[in-house]
Protein backbone atom coordinates (compact mmCIF):
# COMPACT_ATOMS: atom_id res chain seq x y z
CA UNK A 1 -2.48 -11.83 -11.94
CA UNK A 2 0.51 -9.62 -11.10
CA UNK A 3 -1.75 -6.57 -11.27
CA UNK A 4 -4.20 -8.10 -8.77
CA UNK A 5 -1.35 -9.09 -6.48
CA UNK A 6 0.02 -5.55 -6.65
CA UNK A 7 -3.38 -4.10 -5.72
CA UNK A 8 -3.68 -6.53 -2.80
CA UNK A 9 -0.22 -5.61 -1.53
CA UNK A 10 -1.07 -1.91 -1.79
CA UNK A 11 -4.32 -2.44 0.14
CA UNK A 12 -2.50 -4.40 2.82
CA UNK A 13 0.12 -1.65 3.15
CA UNK A 14 -2.60 0.99 3.43
CA UNK A 15 -4.35 -1.06 6.12
CA UNK A 16 -1.14 -1.33 8.13
CA UNK A 17 -0.60 2.42 7.90
CA UNK A 18 -4.17 3.22 8.93
CA UNK A 19 -4.12 0.90 11.94
CA UNK A 20 -1.09 2.60 13.40
CA UNK A 21 1.73 0.14 13.17
CA UNK A 22 4.34 0.72 15.85
CA UNK A 23 7.85 -0.42 16.54
CA UNK A 24 7.33 -0.17 20.32
CA UNK A 25 6.22 -3.21 22.31
CA UNK A 26 2.56 -3.98 22.01
CA UNK A 27 0.14 -3.64 24.89
CA UNK A 28 -0.32 -7.38 25.27
CA UNK A 29 3.05 -8.84 24.41
CA UNK A 30 1.44 -11.21 21.91
CA UNK A 31 -1.64 -12.28 23.87
CA UNK A 32 -4.91 -11.50 22.15
CA UNK A 33 -8.00 -10.43 24.08
CA UNK A 34 -11.35 -12.20 24.01
CA UNK A 35 -13.64 -11.53 21.08
CA UNK A 36 -16.56 -10.35 23.18
CA UNK A 37 -14.74 -8.17 25.71
CA UNK A 38 -16.83 -5.14 24.83
CA UNK A 39 -19.94 -6.43 26.50
CA UNK A 40 -18.53 -7.59 29.83
CA UNK A 41 -20.06 -6.85 33.17
CA UNK A 42 -23.22 -5.31 31.77
CA UNK A 43 -21.20 -2.42 30.42
CA UNK A 44 -21.93 -3.27 26.80
CA UNK A 45 -25.57 -2.20 27.00
CA UNK A 46 -27.78 -3.63 24.30
CA UNK A 47 -28.34 -1.30 21.42
CA UNK A 48 -31.38 -3.13 20.08
CA UNK A 49 -34.00 -0.61 19.05
CA UNK A 50 -31.60 2.34 19.08
CA UNK A 51 -31.07 2.51 15.35
CA UNK A 52 -33.12 5.30 13.88
CA UNK A 53 -33.59 7.26 17.11
CA UNK A 54 -32.15 10.71 16.67
CA UNK A 55 -32.20 13.53 19.14
CA UNK A 56 -34.77 13.97 21.84
CA UNK A 57 -32.38 12.91 24.60
CA UNK A 58 -32.57 14.74 27.89
CA UNK A 59 -30.42 14.82 31.01
CA UNK A 60 -32.80 12.25 32.55
CA UNK A 61 -31.59 9.71 29.96
CA UNK A 62 -28.20 9.57 31.71
CA UNK A 63 -29.88 7.82 34.65
CA UNK A 64 -32.15 5.54 32.60
CA UNK A 65 -30.61 2.07 32.09
CA UNK A 66 -32.73 1.68 28.95
CA UNK A 67 -31.17 4.77 27.35
CA UNK A 68 -27.96 4.60 25.33
CA UNK A 69 -26.76 7.69 27.24
CA UNK A 70 -26.60 5.53 30.35
CA UNK A 71 -23.71 3.66 28.71
CA UNK A 72 -20.60 5.85 28.96
CA UNK A 73 -17.80 3.32 28.53
CA UNK A 74 -16.56 2.23 25.11
CA UNK A 75 -14.42 -0.91 25.13
CA UNK A 76 -11.64 -1.80 22.71
CA UNK A 77 -9.95 -4.95 21.55
CA UNK A 78 -6.37 -5.71 22.46
CA UNK A 79 -3.89 -3.28 20.90
CA UNK A 80 -6.64 -1.50 18.96
CA UNK A 81 -8.22 1.93 18.76
CA UNK A 82 -10.93 0.78 16.34
CA UNK A 83 -14.48 1.41 17.54
CA UNK A 84 -16.40 -1.86 17.73
CA UNK A 85 -19.74 -2.04 15.91
CA UNK A 86 -21.70 -2.66 19.12
CA UNK A 87 -20.74 0.82 20.37
CA UNK A 88 -21.67 2.82 17.26
CA UNK A 89 -25.31 3.45 18.24
CA UNK A 90 -24.25 4.41 21.77
CA UNK A 91 -21.76 6.94 20.40
CA UNK A 92 -24.38 8.26 17.99
CA UNK A 93 -26.74 8.83 20.91
CA UNK A 94 -24.05 10.80 22.77
CA UNK A 95 -23.34 12.75 19.58
CA UNK A 96 -27.04 13.51 19.20
CA UNK A 97 -27.26 14.79 22.76
CA UNK A 98 -24.12 16.89 22.43
CA UNK A 99 -25.24 18.34 19.10
CA UNK A 100 -28.59 19.32 20.58
CA UNK A 101 -26.95 20.81 23.69
CA UNK A 102 -24.10 23.05 22.49
CA UNK A 103 -23.15 24.05 26.04
CA UNK A 104 -22.57 20.42 27.04
CA UNK A 105 -18.94 19.31 27.19
CA UNK A 106 -17.25 15.94 27.55
CA UNK A 107 -13.84 14.62 28.45
CA UNK A 108 -12.88 11.39 26.69
CA UNK A 109 -10.56 9.41 28.94
CA UNK A 110 -8.45 6.83 27.09
CA UNK A 111 -7.24 3.80 29.02
CA UNK A 112 -5.28 0.61 28.41
CA UNK A 113 -4.46 -2.52 30.29
CA UNK A 114 -1.20 -2.95 32.19
CA UNK A 115 0.70 -4.72 29.43
CA UNK A 116 3.21 -2.75 27.35
CA UNK A 117 5.44 0.15 28.24
CA UNK A 118 4.12 3.24 29.97
CA UNK A 119 4.87 5.35 26.89
CA UNK A 120 3.17 2.94 24.53
CA UNK A 121 0.08 2.70 26.75
CA UNK A 122 -0.20 6.48 27.04
CA UNK A 123 -0.04 6.76 23.24
CA UNK A 124 -2.61 3.97 22.73
CA UNK A 125 -4.97 5.50 25.30
CA UNK A 126 -4.69 8.81 23.44
CA UNK A 127 -5.38 7.09 20.10
CA UNK A 128 -8.54 5.56 21.58
CA UNK A 129 -9.76 8.89 22.97
CA UNK A 130 -8.95 10.64 19.69
CA UNK A 131 -10.81 7.98 17.70
CA UNK A 132 -13.96 8.52 19.76
CA UNK A 133 -13.54 12.29 19.40
CA UNK A 134 -13.26 11.96 15.61
CA UNK A 135 -16.38 9.81 15.56
CA UNK A 136 -18.34 12.36 17.59
CA UNK A 137 -17.22 15.30 15.45
CA UNK A 138 -18.10 13.35 12.29
CA UNK A 139 -21.58 12.99 13.80
CA UNK A 140 -21.89 16.77 14.21
CA UNK A 141 -20.45 17.49 17.66
CA UNK A 142 -18.50 20.74 17.81
CA UNK A 143 -14.79 20.20 18.54
CA UNK A 144 -14.91 22.75 21.38
CA UNK A 145 -17.31 20.44 23.24
CA UNK A 146 -14.69 17.68 23.45
CA UNK A 147 -11.41 17.29 25.30
CA UNK A 148 -9.31 14.14 25.34
CA UNK A 149 -6.85 12.72 27.83
CA UNK A 150 -4.95 9.47 28.11
CA UNK A 151 -4.38 7.74 31.42
CA UNK A 152 -2.72 4.74 29.81
CA UNK A 153 -2.60 1.96 32.39
CA UNK A 154 -2.72 4.32 35.39
CA UNK A 155 -6.47 4.09 36.16
CA UNK A 156 -7.53 0.47 35.82
CA UNK A 157 -11.23 -0.36 36.12
CA UNK A 158 -10.14 -3.78 37.41
CA UNK A 159 -6.72 -4.10 39.10
CA UNK A 160 -6.53 -7.83 38.32
CA UNK A 161 -3.94 -9.46 36.11
CA UNK A 162 -6.19 -11.64 33.96
CA UNK A 163 -7.63 -11.36 30.48
CA UNK A 164 -11.02 -10.49 31.98
CA UNK A 165 -9.49 -7.61 33.96
CA UNK A 166 -7.46 -6.40 30.97
CA UNK A 167 -10.58 -6.41 28.76
CA UNK A 168 -12.34 -4.08 31.24
CA UNK A 169 -9.33 -1.76 31.27
CA UNK A 170 -9.14 -1.26 27.48
CA UNK A 171 -11.64 1.56 27.27
CA UNK A 172 -12.62 5.17 26.74
CA UNK A 173 -14.79 6.70 29.44
CA UNK A 174 -17.12 9.51 28.37
CA UNK A 175 -17.24 12.00 31.24
CA UNK A 176 -19.76 14.83 30.97
CA UNK A 177 -18.29 18.03 32.38
CA UNK A 178 -21.55 19.89 31.80
CA UNK A 179 -24.91 18.53 30.66
């Protein structure tokens, strides 16, 4: 029993380290975001039927609402840089396009809501952008095709002061510099 407890404690400690524990104030000062924030306002495009599609994307897909390349905003939960499952296929589609078009380049713009200190929000926005960059490179995108920047709370998608507004502001925007 003590051995199992020791393993559980070690796993918990590893989880805390991986999730980026911080001693600075959290983005939301103890208020959790809604569970489904990622799909608000039509931004969380459905990924039904995307699994299994690899490559074959063209620049026209960026203007097609039925294409995963049309979706260029990845939303995050409160105080998190973990990519939500509903955005995995969308990111894979962007990775597929970028891999097939080596001259294409993207800027990943990390954003947070207004809660938390400026410094903390800049760091969290950078963590979010870096997480998306790591995902794309793991999917075969060349690192020289990606740049990251954090705007923290400085560029809100919604200037409101509600949970709905904050959920829209916790995001990474994929901006194509060249297609």
